[in-house]
Amino acid sequence: MVSSGARLIKKKDGSGNLVLVSHELATQPGVIRWEEILDPVEDSRITFQGEEIIKSPAEPDFKPITLEEGRQRIFKDQLIVGNCEVLNRS
């Protein structure tokens, strides 16, 4: 894990907010981005006030993690994975 960040996104139906959490993972030969979309109502690891995210889930920096990828796409020459299942955290 290299870094993590989060941003607030609004649901299309206007019924609330979701949080897009993005983790950058160091791999050989580069960096990939793992994105999670979380509901702050269901996930107690997320705290926000108004439009600002106060606390969001983050993996420990520079610790190995093993994911099973659910989907992938390439955006601006960077591999982005989603729907991942965490298999192992060291």
C-alpha atoms as a PDB file:
ATOM      1  CA  MET A   1       0.000   0.000   0.000  1.00  0.00           C
ATOM      2  CA  VAL A   2       1.394   3.362  -0.993  1.00  0.00           C
ATOM      3  CA  SER A   3      -1.439   5.776  -0.211  1.00  0.00           C
ATOM      4  CA  SER A   4      -5.189   6.083   0.340  1.00  0.00           C
ATOM      5  CA  GLY A   5      -7.710   8.832  -0.257  1.00  0.00           C
ATOM      6  CA  ALA A   6     -11.468   9.312  -0.222  1.00  0.00           C
ATOM      7  CA  ARG A   7     -14.077  11.566  -1.760  1.00  0.00           C
ATOM      8  CA  LEU A   8     -17.785  12.004  -1.249  1.00  0.00           C
ATOM      9  CA  ILE A   9     -20.141  11.230  -4.137  1.00  0.00           C
ATOM     10  CA  LYS A  10     -23.893  11.790  -4.249  1.00  0.00           C
ATOM     11  CA  LYS A  11     -26.328   9.024  -5.186  1.00  0.00           C
ATOM     12  CA  LYS A  12     -28.110   9.633  -8.485  1.00  0.00           C
ATOM     13  CA  ASP A  13     -31.530   9.305  -6.868  1.00  0.00           C
ATOM     14  CA  GLY A  14     -30.644  11.979  -4.287  1.00  0.00           C
ATOM     15  CA  SER A  15     -31.217   9.656  -1.335  1.00  0.00           C
ATOM     16  CA  GLY A  16     -27.812  10.207   0.257  1.00  0.00           C
ATOM     17  CA  ASN A  17     -24.071   9.987  -0.192  1.00  0.00           C
ATOM     18  CA  LEU A  18     -21.489   7.320  -0.905  1.00  0.00           C
ATOM     19  CA  VAL A  19     -17.741   7.424  -0.350  1.00  0.00           C
ATOM     20  CA  LEU A  20     -15.246   6.448  -3.047  1.00  0.00           C
ATOM     21  CA  VAL A  21     -12.102   5.188  -1.313  1.00  0.00           C
ATOM     22  CA  SER A  22      -9.052   4.877  -3.544  1.00  0.00           C
ATOM     23  CA  HIS A  23      -5.909   2.968  -2.518  1.00  0.00           C
ATOM     24  CA  GLU A  24      -2.677   3.037  -4.528  1.00  0.00           C
ATOM     25  CA  LEU A  25      -0.832  -0.278  -4.462  1.00  0.00           C
ATOM     26  CA  ALA A  26       2.804  -0.713  -5.450  1.00  0.00           C
ATOM     27  CA  THR A  27       3.342  -3.633  -7.827  1.00  0.00           C
ATOM     28  CA  GLN A  28       6.008  -4.809 -10.210  1.00  0.00           C
ATOM     29  CA  PRO A  29       6.498  -2.836 -12.482  1.00  0.00           C
ATOM     30  CA  GLY A  30       4.250   0.047 -11.383  1.00  0.00           C
ATOM     31  CA  VAL A  31       1.288   1.240  -9.351  1.00  0.00           C
ATOM     32  CA  ILE A  32      -2.357   0.153  -9.546  1.00  0.00           C
ATOM     33  CA  ARG A  33      -5.370   1.804  -7.963  1.00  0.00           C
ATOM     34  CA  TRP A  34      -7.950  -0.169  -5.966  1.00  0.00           C
ATOM     35  CA  GLU A  35     -11.309   1.581  -5.638  1.00  0.00           C
ATOM     36  CA  GLU A  36     -14.070   0.809  -3.153  1.00  0.00           C
ATOM     37  CA  ILE A  37     -17.492   2.438  -3.015  1.00  0.00           C
ATOM     38  CA  LEU A  38     -18.781   2.399   0.553  1.00  0.00           C
ATOM     39  CA  ASP A  39     -22.019   3.517   2.185  1.00  0.00           C
ATOM     40  CA  PRO A  40     -21.280   5.673   5.259  1.00  0.00           C
ATOM     41  CA  VAL A  41     -24.591   4.615   6.829  1.00  0.00           C
ATOM     42  CA  GLU A  42     -23.548   0.937   6.799  1.00  0.00           C
ATOM     43  CA  ASP A  43     -19.793   1.368   7.379  1.00  0.00           C
ATOM     44  CA  SER A  44     -18.750   2.819  10.741  1.00  0.00           C
ATOM     45  CA  ARG A  45     -15.150   3.376   9.540  1.00  0.00           C
ATOM     46  CA  ILE A  46     -16.341   6.465   7.625  1.00  0.00           C
ATOM     47  CA  THR A  47     -17.028   9.814   9.264  1.00  0.00           C
ATOM     48  CA  PHE A  48     -17.972  12.943   7.373  1.00  0.00           C
ATOM     49  CA  GLN A  49     -19.281  16.364   8.258  1.00  0.00           C
ATOM     50  CA  GLY A  50     -21.232  18.195   5.578  1.00  0.00           C
ATOM     51  CA  GLU A  51     -19.249  17.716   2.359  1.00  0.00           C
ATOM     52  CA  GLU A  52     -15.935  16.939   4.095  1.00  0.00           C
ATOM     53  CA  ILE A  53     -14.701  13.433   4.917  1.00  0.00           C
ATOM     54  CA  ILE A  54     -13.160  13.374   8.390  1.00  0.00           C
ATOM     55  CA  LYS A  55     -12.176   9.686   8.583  1.00  0.00           C
ATOM     56  CA  SER A  56     -12.090   6.923   5.973  1.00  0.00           C
ATOM     57  CA  PRO A  57     -10.726   3.373   5.885  1.00  0.00           C
ATOM     58  CA  ALA A  58      -7.078   3.045   4.953  1.00  0.00           C
ATOM     59  CA  GLU A  59      -4.750   0.109   4.739  1.00  0.00           C
ATOM     60  CA  PRO A  60      -1.374   0.340   6.527  1.00  0.00           C
ATOM     61  CA  ASP A  61       1.310   1.942   4.354  1.00  0.00           C
ATOM     62  CA  PHE A  62       3.971  -0.300   2.817  1.00  0.00           C
ATOM     63  CA  LYS A  63       2.405  -3.550   4.086  1.00  0.00           C
ATOM     64  CA  PRO A  64       1.705  -6.432   1.665  1.00  0.00           C
ATOM     65  CA  ILE A  65      -1.901  -7.145   0.713  1.00  0.00           C
ATOM     66  CA  THR A  66      -3.343  -9.825  -1.566  1.00  0.00           C
ATOM     67  CA  LEU A  67      -6.528  -9.092  -3.513  1.00  0.00           C
ATOM     68  CA  GLU A  68      -8.745 -11.142  -5.769  1.00  0.00           C
ATOM     69  CA  GLU A  69      -9.766  -8.756  -8.495  1.00  0.00           C
ATOM     70  CA  GLY A  70     -13.406  -8.555  -9.544  1.00  0.00           C
ATOM     71  CA  ARG A  71     -13.147  -6.094 -12.421  1.00  0.00           C
ATOM     72  CA  GLN A  72     -10.508  -3.925 -14.022  1.00  0.00           C
ATOM     73  CA  ARG A  73     -10.117  -0.984 -16.366  1.00  0.00           C
ATOM     74  CA  ILE A  74      -7.321   1.208 -17.630  1.00  0.00           C
ATOM     75  CA  PHE A  75      -7.641   4.972 -17.219  1.00  0.00           C
ATOM     76  CA  LYS A  76      -4.848   7.363 -18.225  1.00  0.00           C
ATOM     77  CA  ASP A  77      -2.351   4.484 -18.468  1.00  0.00           C
ATOM     78  CA  GLN A  78      -3.110   3.300 -14.922  1.00  0.00           C
ATOM     79  CA  LEU A  79      -4.735  -0.021 -14.028  1.00  0.00           C
ATOM     80  CA  ILE A  80      -7.775   0.446 -11.782  1.00  0.00           C
ATOM     81  CA  VAL A  81      -9.346  -2.559 -10.053  1.00  0.00           C
ATOM     82  CA  GLY A  82     -12.649  -2.839  -8.224  1.00  0.00           C
ATOM     83  CA  ASN A  83     -14.994  -5.390  -6.650  1.00  0.00           C
ATOM     84  CA  CYS A  84     -11.958  -6.876  -4.942  1.00  0.00           C
ATOM     85  CA  GLU A  85     -11.922  -9.395  -2.159  1.00  0.00           C
ATOM     86  CA  VAL A  86      -9.081  -9.102   0.351  1.00  0.00           C
ATOM     87  CA  LEU A  87      -7.441 -12.520   0.613  1.00  0.00           C
ATOM     88  CA  ASN A  88      -4.500 -11.711   2.862  1.00  0.00           C
ATOM     89  CA  ARG A  89      -3.223  -8.764   4.886  1.00  0.00           C
ATOM     90  CA  SER A  90       0.284  -8.974   6.336  1.00  0.00           C
END
